[in-house]
C-alpha atoms as a PDB file:
ATOM      1  CA  MET A   1      44.957 -98.642  25.520  1.00  0.00           C
ATOM      2  CA  ASN A   2      45.684 -95.047  24.985  1.00  0.00           C
ATOM      3  CA  THR A   3      49.370 -95.241  23.486  1.00  0.00           C
ATOM      4  CA  ILE A   4      50.044 -91.919  24.280  1.00  0.00           C
ATOM      5  CA  ASN A   5      50.941 -92.238  27.494  1.00  0.00           C
ATOM      6  CA  PHE A   6      51.784 -95.886  26.988  1.00  0.00           C
ATOM      7  CA  CYS A   7      54.421 -96.919  29.954  1.00  0.00           C
ATOM      8  CA  PRO A   8      55.923-100.135  29.338  1.00  0.00           C
ATOM      9  CA  LEU A   9      57.149-100.512  32.480  1.00  0.00           C
ATOM     10  CA  ASP A  10      54.081 -99.259  34.377  1.00  0.00           C
ATOM     11  CA  TYR A  11      52.313-102.516  31.723  1.00  0.00           C
ATOM     12  CA  THR A  12      54.718-104.934  33.005  1.00  0.00           C
ATOM     13  CA  MET A  13      54.421-103.924  36.655  1.00  0.00           C
ATOM     14  CA  ASN A  14      50.660-104.277  36.238  1.00  0.00           C
ATOM     15  CA  LEU A  15      50.888-107.709  35.473  1.00  0.00           C
ATOM     16  CA  ILE A  16      53.599-108.580  37.607  1.00  0.00           C
ATOM     17  CA  GLY A  17      54.210-105.956  40.566  1.00  0.00           C
ATOM     18  CA  THR A  18      52.494-107.383  43.623  1.00  0.00           C
ATOM     19  CA  LYS A  19      54.422-109.330  46.457  1.00  0.00           C
ATOM     20  CA  TRP A  20      53.227-112.852  45.245  1.00  0.00           C
ATOM     21  CA  LYS A  21      53.321-112.930  41.728  1.00  0.00           C
ATOM     22  CA  PRO A  22      57.311-112.682  41.177  1.00  0.00           C
ATOM     23  CA  LEU A  23      57.170-115.684  43.748  1.00  0.00           C
ATOM     24  CA  VAL A  24      54.699-117.816  42.371  1.00  0.00           C
ATOM     25  CA  LEU A  25      55.928-117.373  38.527  1.00  0.00           C
ATOM     26  CA  PHE A  26      59.725-117.683  40.104  1.00  0.00           C
ATOM     27  CA  HIS A  27      58.506-121.444  41.734  1.00  0.00           C
ATOM     28  CA  LEU A  28      57.204-122.808  38.358  1.00  0.00           C
ATOM     29  CA  LEU A  29      59.965-121.641  36.212  1.00  0.00           C
ATOM     30  CA  ASP A  30      61.132-125.366  36.499  1.00  0.00           C
ATOM     31  CA  GLY A  31      57.923-127.282  35.392  1.00  0.00           C
ATOM     32  CA  PRO A  32      54.670-127.456  36.315  1.00  0.00           C
ATOM     33  CA  LEU A  33      53.651-128.065  39.945  1.00  0.00           C
ATOM     34  CA  ARG A  34      50.572-128.791  42.164  1.00  0.00           C
ATOM     35  CA  SER A  35      48.234-125.863  43.741  1.00  0.00           C
ATOM     36  CA  GLY A  36      49.454-127.322  47.091  1.00  0.00           C
ATOM     37  CA  ILE A  37      53.103-127.751  46.154  1.00  0.00           C
ATOM     38  CA  LEU A  38      53.429-123.925  44.371  1.00  0.00           C
ATOM     39  CA  GLN A  39      50.939-122.761  47.544  1.00  0.00           C
ATOM     40  CA  LYS A  40      53.942-123.929  50.269  1.00  0.00           C
ATOM     41  CA  LYS A  41      56.854-122.624  47.777  1.00  0.00           C
ATOM     42  CA  VAL A  42      55.537-119.496  48.960  1.00  0.00           C
ATOM     43  CA  PRO A  43      56.238-119.266  52.420  1.00  0.00           C
ATOM     44  CA  GLY A  44      54.136-116.176  54.053  1.00  0.00           C
ATOM     45  CA  ILE A  45      51.027-116.759  51.289  1.00  0.00           C
ATOM     46  CA  SER A  46      47.247-117.431  52.856  1.00  0.00           C
ATOM     47  CA  ASN A  47      44.796-119.867  50.951  1.00  0.00           C
ATOM     48  CA  LYS A  48      43.066-116.148  49.880  1.00  0.00           C
ATOM     49  CA  MET A  49      45.637-114.533  48.244  1.00  0.00           C
ATOM     50  CA  PHE A  50      47.575-117.671  46.417  1.00  0.00           C
ATOM     51  CA  THR A  51      44.169-118.402  44.754  1.00  0.00           C
ATOM     52  CA  GLN A  52      43.563-114.717  44.238  1.00  0.00           C
ATOM     53  CA  THR A  53      47.268-114.641  42.703  1.00  0.00           C
ATOM     54  CA  VAL A  54      47.135-117.355  40.524  1.00  0.00           C
ATOM     55  CA  ARG A  55      43.584-116.339  39.134  1.00  0.00           C
ATOM     56  CA  GLU A  56      45.018-113.262  38.460  1.00  0.00           C
ATOM     57  CA  LEU A  57      48.482-114.473  36.875  1.00  0.00           C
ATOM     58  CA  GLU A  58      45.894-117.380  34.762  1.00  0.00           C
ATOM     59  CA  LYS A  59      43.369-113.927  33.489  1.00  0.00           C
ATOM     60  CA  ASP A  60      46.182-112.211  32.392  1.00  0.00           C
ATOM     61  CA  GLY A  61      48.114-115.282  30.273  1.00  0.00           C
ATOM     62  CA  LEU A  62      51.157-115.594  32.378  1.00  0.00           C
ATOM     63  CA  VAL A  63      49.774-119.095  34.039  1.00  0.00           C
ATOM     64  CA  ILE A  64      48.039-122.213  32.764  1.00  0.00           C
ATOM     65  CA  ARG A  65      45.943-123.653  35.251  1.00  0.00           C
ATOM     66  CA  GLU A  66      45.181-127.507  34.104  1.00  0.00           C
ATOM     67  CA  VAL A  67      42.115-129.248  36.180  1.00  0.00           C
ATOM     68  CA  PHE A  68      42.826-133.167  36.397  1.00  0.00           C
ATOM     69  CA  PRO A  69      39.109-134.949  36.502  1.00  0.00           C
ATOM     70  CA  VAL A  70      39.662-137.002  39.648  1.00  0.00           C
ATOM     71  CA  VAL A  71      38.853-137.532  43.433  1.00  0.00           C
ATOM     72  CA  PRO A  72      40.504-135.657  44.937  1.00  0.00           C
ATOM     73  CA  PRO A  73      40.506-133.100  42.623  1.00  0.00           C
ATOM     74  CA  LYS A  74      43.960-132.339  41.157  1.00  0.00           C
ATOM     75  CA  VAL A  75      45.239-128.770  40.387  1.00  0.00           C
ATOM     76  CA  GLU A  76      48.138-128.096  38.548  1.00  0.00           C
ATOM     77  CA  TYR A  77      49.786-124.697  37.150  1.00  0.00           C
ATOM     78  CA  ALA A  78      52.238-124.180  34.430  1.00  0.00           C
ATOM     79  CA  LEU A  79      53.618-120.794  32.796  1.00  0.00           C
ATOM     80  CA  SER A  80      52.371-120.034  29.487  1.00  0.00           C
ATOM     81  CA  GLU A  81      54.492-119.012  26.716  1.00  0.00           C
ATOM     82  CA  LYS A  82      54.438-115.561  27.688  1.00  0.00           C
ATOM     83  CA  GLY A  83      55.071-116.398  31.693  1.00  0.00           C
ATOM     84  CA  ILE A  84      58.053-118.521  30.342  1.00  0.00           C
ATOM     85  CA  SER A  85      59.005-115.084  28.346  1.00  0.00           C
ATOM     86  CA  LEU A  86      59.896-113.633  32.210  1.00  0.00           C
ATOM     87  CA  LYS A  87      62.016-116.518  32.788  1.00  0.00           C
ATOM     88  CA  PRO A  88      64.978-113.715  32.185  1.00  0.00           C
ATOM     89  CA  ILE A  89      63.666-111.376  34.506  1.00  0.00           C
ATOM     90  CA  LEU A  90      62.909-113.230  37.054  1.00  0.00           C
ATOM     91  CA  LEU A  91      66.529-114.647  37.205  1.00  0.00           C
ATOM     92  CA  SER A  92      67.740-111.766  36.813  1.00  0.00           C
ATOM     93  CA  LEU A  93      65.776-110.333  40.702  1.00  0.00           C
ATOM     94  CA  ASP A  94      67.176-113.644  42.213  1.00  0.00           C
ATOM     95  CA  ALA A  95      70.700-113.051  41.373  1.00  0.00           C
ATOM     96  CA  TRP A  96      70.355-109.543  41.960  1.00  0.00           C
ATOM     97  CA  GLY A  97      68.588-110.588  45.538  1.00  0.00           C
ATOM     98  CA  ALA A  98      71.287-112.695  46.256  1.00  0.00           C
ATOM     99  CA  LYS A  99      74.149-110.579  45.602  1.00  0.00           C
ATOM    100  CA  GLU A 100      72.125-107.813  47.468  1.00  0.00           C
ATOM    101  CA  TYR A 101      71.630-110.321  50.711  1.00  0.00           C
ATOM    102  CA  GLN A 102      75.403-111.048  50.430  1.00  0.00           C
ATOM    103  CA  THR A 103      76.612-108.100  50.452  1.00  0.00           C
ATOM    104  CA  THR A 104      74.745-106.863  53.552  1.00  0.00           C
ATOM    105  CA  LYS A 105      75.482-109.495  55.267  1.00  0.00           C
ATOM    106  CA  GLY A 106      79.471-108.822  54.656  1.00  0.00           C
END
């Protein structure tokens, strides 16, 4: 990494700055979820985007994917320690959104 031009916000946004990543991470704050349940908690996400999103989060070390050797296959996602470290940020974004939404509904 080029430290001369390093921008911490740019680094963070590259990890979590898509439409779906913060939502997936937020829904994992309360603990691990099975793949199908997690996807249902993110309204509007397609199967393709869900798969791409969780794969990127796993690759970046924010999410842990566990596959259980059962039939039918059971896949569960959980936050890694690195993912858990985003909790205050995600909760702040949620609180800001709730406040802003109430303000606009005035």
